Amino acid sequence: MRLAAEYVGHSLFGLGGDKSLDTIQDDRLTLDFGSSYKLNRNWSVYFNAKNLLNTPLRYYEGSPDRPIQREIYDVTLEGGVRASF
């Protein structure tokens, strides 16, 4: 099992005519979970859950009180079987 967190601070995404018009990508914290279980020598199963905190991707112009874009991706779940021979 694995639990992974990633924090990215705000960063410059695009330059405007002056600092108040710059496009900034806001801070973002994500949390992912991954697991796998080996059934035997050749077969294993896995389960992953991504973006457990449902953190939006947000952009603003100049200051955080001027949002221009917000994307919400929700939690992504995936599972499956792996075979190796």
N, C-alpha and C. Protein backbone atom coordinates (compact mmCIF):
# COMPACT_ATOMS: atom_id res chain seq x y z
N MET A 1 0.84 -1.17 0.00
CA MET A 1 0.00 0.00 0.00
C MET A 1 0.90 1.24 0.00
N ARG A 2 0.37 2.30 -0.60
CA ARG A 2 1.12 3.56 -0.68
C ARG A 2 0.14 4.72 -0.58
N LEU A 3 0.49 5.69 0.21
CA LEU A 3 -0.27 6.93 0.31
C LEU A 3 0.70 8.05 -0.04
N ALA A 4 0.34 8.85 -1.02
CA ALA A 4 1.23 9.91 -1.49
C ALA A 4 0.51 11.25 -1.50
N ALA A 5 1.18 12.25 -0.96
CA ALA A 5 0.65 13.62 -0.97
C ALA A 5 1.59 14.47 -1.81
N GLU A 6 1.02 15.42 -2.54
CA GLU A 6 1.82 16.35 -3.33
C GLU A 6 1.28 17.76 -3.11
N TYR A 7 2.18 18.65 -2.75
CA TYR A 7 1.82 20.05 -2.58
C TYR A 7 2.58 20.87 -3.61
N VAL A 8 1.87 21.72 -4.34
CA VAL A 8 2.48 22.64 -5.29
C VAL A 8 2.02 24.04 -4.91
N GLY A 9 2.97 24.91 -4.62
CA GLY A 9 2.65 26.29 -4.27
C GLY A 9 2.19 27.06 -5.49
N HIS A 10 1.66 28.26 -5.26
CA HIS A 10 1.19 29.06 -6.39
C HIS A 10 2.36 29.39 -7.30
N SER A 11 2.08 29.48 -8.60
CA SER A 11 3.13 29.73 -9.58
C SER A 11 2.60 30.57 -10.73
N LEU A 12 3.49 31.26 -11.36
CA LEU A 12 3.16 32.10 -12.50
C LEU A 12 2.83 31.22 -13.70
N PHE A 13 1.66 31.41 -14.28
CA PHE A 13 1.22 30.64 -15.44
C PHE A 13 1.32 31.45 -16.72
N GLY A 14 1.05 32.76 -16.62
CA GLY A 14 1.11 33.61 -17.80
C GLY A 14 1.32 35.07 -17.41
N LEU A 15 2.06 35.79 -18.25
CA LEU A 15 2.33 37.21 -17.99
C LEU A 15 1.24 38.08 -18.59
N GLY A 16 0.82 39.07 -17.80
CA GLY A 16 -0.14 40.06 -18.28
C GLY A 16 0.60 41.35 -18.61
N GLY A 17 -0.13 42.41 -18.87
CA GLY A 17 0.48 43.71 -19.16
C GLY A 17 1.25 44.27 -17.98
N ASP A 18 0.79 43.98 -16.76
CA ASP A 18 1.51 44.31 -15.53
C ASP A 18 1.21 43.23 -14.50
N LYS A 19 1.78 43.35 -13.29
CA LYS A 19 1.65 42.31 -12.26
C LYS A 19 0.19 42.02 -11.90
N SER A 20 -0.68 43.03 -11.94
CA SER A 20 -2.08 42.81 -11.57
C SER A 20 -2.84 42.01 -12.63
N LEU A 21 -2.25 41.81 -13.81
CA LEU A 21 -2.89 41.04 -14.88
C LEU A 21 -2.23 39.68 -15.12
N ASP A 22 -1.19 39.35 -14.33
CA ASP A 22 -0.54 38.05 -14.47
C ASP A 22 -1.51 36.93 -14.10
N THR A 23 -1.43 35.81 -14.77
CA THR A 23 -2.25 34.64 -14.46
C THR A 23 -1.43 33.73 -13.54
N ILE A 24 -2.01 33.40 -12.38
CA ILE A 24 -1.34 32.60 -11.36
C ILE A 24 -2.11 31.29 -11.16
N GLN A 25 -1.37 30.19 -11.11
CA GLN A 25 -1.98 28.91 -10.73
C GLN A 25 -1.91 28.83 -9.22
N ASP A 26 -3.04 28.61 -8.55
CA ASP A 26 -3.14 28.64 -7.09
C ASP A 26 -2.47 27.40 -6.47
N ASP A 27 -2.23 27.49 -5.15
CA ASP A 27 -1.70 26.35 -4.38
C ASP A 27 -2.59 25.14 -4.58
N ARG A 28 -1.99 23.95 -4.49
CA ARG A 28 -2.78 22.74 -4.68
C ARG A 28 -2.17 21.60 -3.88
N LEU A 29 -2.99 20.90 -3.10
CA LEU A 29 -2.57 19.72 -2.35
C LEU A 29 -3.40 18.54 -2.82
N THR A 30 -2.73 17.49 -3.26
CA THR A 30 -3.45 16.28 -3.70
C THR A 30 -2.99 15.09 -2.86
N LEU A 31 -3.86 14.10 -2.76
CA LEU A 31 -3.58 12.89 -1.99
C LEU A 31 -4.03 11.70 -2.82
N ASP A 32 -3.11 10.75 -3.02
CA ASP A 32 -3.39 9.55 -3.81
C ASP A 32 -3.10 8.30 -2.98
N PHE A 33 -3.85 7.24 -3.26
CA PHE A 33 -3.66 5.95 -2.59
C PHE A 33 -3.45 4.88 -3.65
N GLY A 34 -2.49 4.01 -3.43
CA GLY A 34 -2.26 2.91 -4.35
C GLY A 34 -1.99 1.64 -3.59
N SER A 35 -2.46 0.51 -4.13
CA SER A 35 -2.21 -0.76 -3.47
C SER A 35 -2.17 -1.87 -4.51
N SER A 36 -1.47 -2.93 -4.16
CA SER A 36 -1.47 -4.13 -5.01
C SER A 36 -1.26 -5.35 -4.11
N TYR A 37 -1.73 -6.47 -4.58
CA TYR A 37 -1.61 -7.71 -3.83
C TYR A 37 -1.25 -8.83 -4.80
N LYS A 38 -0.16 -9.52 -4.51
CA LYS A 38 0.29 -10.60 -5.37
C LYS A 38 -0.42 -11.89 -4.98
N LEU A 39 -1.21 -12.44 -5.91
CA LEU A 39 -1.97 -13.65 -5.65
C LEU A 39 -1.08 -14.89 -5.70
N ASN A 40 -0.20 -14.92 -6.69
CA ASN A 40 0.79 -15.99 -6.83
C ASN A 40 1.93 -15.45 -7.69
N ARG A 41 2.77 -16.34 -8.20
CA ARG A 41 3.95 -15.91 -8.97
C ARG A 41 3.61 -15.10 -10.20
N ASN A 42 2.46 -15.35 -10.81
CA ASN A 42 2.12 -14.72 -12.09
C ASN A 42 1.00 -13.69 -12.02
N TRP A 43 0.19 -13.72 -11.00
CA TRP A 43 -1.00 -12.86 -10.98
C TRP A 43 -1.01 -11.94 -9.76
N SER A 44 -1.45 -10.70 -9.99
CA SER A 44 -1.65 -9.76 -8.89
C SER A 44 -2.86 -8.88 -9.22
N VAL A 45 -3.44 -8.29 -8.19
CA VAL A 45 -4.55 -7.36 -8.36
C VAL A 45 -4.11 -6.01 -7.80
N TYR A 46 -4.72 -4.94 -8.30
CA TYR A 46 -4.36 -3.62 -7.82
C TYR A 46 -5.59 -2.73 -7.70
N PHE A 47 -5.46 -1.71 -6.86
CA PHE A 47 -6.50 -0.71 -6.68
C PHE A 47 -5.81 0.62 -6.42
N ASN A 48 -6.24 1.67 -7.13
CA ASN A 48 -5.70 3.01 -6.95
C ASN A 48 -6.85 4.01 -6.81
N ALA A 49 -6.64 5.00 -5.98
CA ALA A 49 -7.59 6.10 -5.82
C ALA A 49 -6.79 7.40 -5.91
N LYS A 50 -7.14 8.24 -6.87
CA LYS A 50 -6.40 9.49 -7.10
C LYS A 50 -7.27 10.69 -6.74
N ASN A 51 -6.62 11.75 -6.29
CA ASN A 51 -7.27 13.01 -5.92
C ASN A 51 -8.31 12.81 -4.81
N LEU A 52 -7.91 12.13 -3.75
CA LEU A 52 -8.83 11.85 -2.64
C LEU A 52 -9.36 13.11 -1.97
N LEU A 53 -8.63 14.20 -2.04
CA LEU A 53 -9.07 15.45 -1.42
C LEU A 53 -9.97 16.26 -2.35
N ASN A 54 -10.14 15.79 -3.58
CA ASN A 54 -10.97 16.47 -4.58
C ASN A 54 -10.56 17.95 -4.72
N THR A 55 -9.27 18.18 -4.77
CA THR A 55 -8.72 19.53 -4.84
C THR A 55 -8.93 20.13 -6.23
N PRO A 56 -9.53 21.31 -6.31
CA PRO A 56 -9.72 21.93 -7.63
C PRO A 56 -8.42 22.53 -8.16
N LEU A 57 -8.31 22.58 -9.47
CA LEU A 57 -7.23 23.31 -10.13
C LEU A 57 -7.77 24.71 -10.38
N ARG A 58 -7.10 25.72 -9.84
CA ARG A 58 -7.65 27.07 -9.86
C ARG A 58 -6.62 28.07 -10.37
N TYR A 59 -7.06 28.98 -11.23
CA TYR A 59 -6.22 30.06 -11.74
C TYR A 59 -6.86 31.39 -11.37
N TYR A 60 -6.04 32.37 -11.09
CA TYR A 60 -6.56 33.70 -10.82
C TYR A 60 -5.69 34.75 -11.50
N GLU A 61 -6.24 35.94 -11.61
CA GLU A 61 -5.55 37.04 -12.27
C GLU A 61 -5.11 38.06 -11.23
N GLY A 62 -3.81 38.15 -11.00
CA GLY A 62 -3.26 39.15 -10.08
C GLY A 62 -3.35 38.81 -8.62
N SER A 63 -4.54 38.53 -8.09
CA SER A 63 -4.71 38.18 -6.68
C SER A 63 -5.80 37.12 -6.54
N PRO A 64 -5.76 36.33 -5.45
CA PRO A 64 -6.70 35.22 -5.28
C PRO A 64 -8.18 35.61 -5.31
N ASP A 65 -8.50 36.86 -5.04
CA ASP A 65 -9.91 37.26 -5.06
C ASP A 65 -10.41 37.58 -6.48
N ARG A 66 -9.59 37.29 -7.49
CA ARG A 66 -9.99 37.49 -8.89
C ARG A 66 -9.85 36.19 -9.68
N PRO A 67 -10.61 35.16 -9.35
CA PRO A 67 -10.49 33.87 -10.05
C PRO A 67 -10.94 33.99 -11.51
N ILE A 68 -10.25 33.26 -12.39
CA ILE A 68 -10.62 33.26 -13.81
C ILE A 68 -10.92 31.85 -14.32
N GLN A 69 -10.48 30.83 -13.58
CA GLN A 69 -10.75 29.46 -14.03
C GLN A 69 -10.68 28.52 -12.83
N ARG A 70 -11.59 27.54 -12.82
CA ARG A 70 -11.59 26.54 -11.76
C ARG A 70 -12.03 25.23 -12.37
N GLU A 71 -11.21 24.18 -12.21
CA GLU A 71 -11.51 22.86 -12.76
C GLU A 71 -11.57 21.86 -11.62
N ILE A 72 -12.64 21.07 -11.58
CA ILE A 72 -12.82 20.08 -10.53
C ILE A 72 -12.86 18.70 -11.20
N TYR A 73 -11.97 17.82 -10.78
CA TYR A 73 -11.84 16.51 -11.43
C TYR A 73 -12.45 15.37 -10.65
N ASP A 74 -12.79 15.56 -9.38
CA ASP A 74 -13.37 14.52 -8.54
C ASP A 74 -12.34 13.40 -8.30
N VAL A 75 -12.72 12.40 -7.59
CA VAL A 75 -11.85 11.28 -7.27
C VAL A 75 -11.88 10.30 -8.44
N THR A 76 -10.72 9.75 -8.77
CA THR A 76 -10.60 8.73 -9.82
C THR A 76 -10.25 7.40 -9.17
N LEU A 77 -11.05 6.38 -9.44
CA LEU A 77 -10.81 5.04 -8.92
C LEU A 77 -10.47 4.11 -10.07
N GLU A 78 -9.48 3.26 -9.87
CA GLU A 78 -9.15 2.27 -10.90
C GLU A 78 -8.68 1.00 -10.22
N GLY A 79 -8.96 -0.10 -10.84
CA GLY A 79 -8.55 -1.39 -10.32
C GLY A 79 -8.37 -2.36 -11.45
N GLY A 80 -7.65 -3.42 -11.19
CA GLY A 80 -7.45 -4.39 -12.26
C GLY A 80 -6.61 -5.57 -11.83
N VAL A 81 -6.27 -6.35 -12.82
CA VAL A 81 -5.48 -7.56 -12.65
C VAL A 81 -4.23 -7.43 -13.51
N ARG A 82 -3.10 -7.87 -12.97
CA ARG A 82 -1.85 -7.89 -13.74
C ARG A 82 -1.36 -9.33 -13.85
N ALA A 83 -0.84 -9.64 -15.03
CA ALA A 83 -0.26 -10.96 -15.26
C ALA A 83 1.17 -10.79 -15.76
N SER A 84 2.07 -11.62 -15.27
CA SER A 84 3.43 -11.61 -15.77
C SER A 84 3.89 -13.06 -15.97
N PHE A 85 4.50 -13.29 -17.13
CA PHE A 85 4.94 -14.66 -17.46
C PHE A 85 6.36 -14.66 -17.92
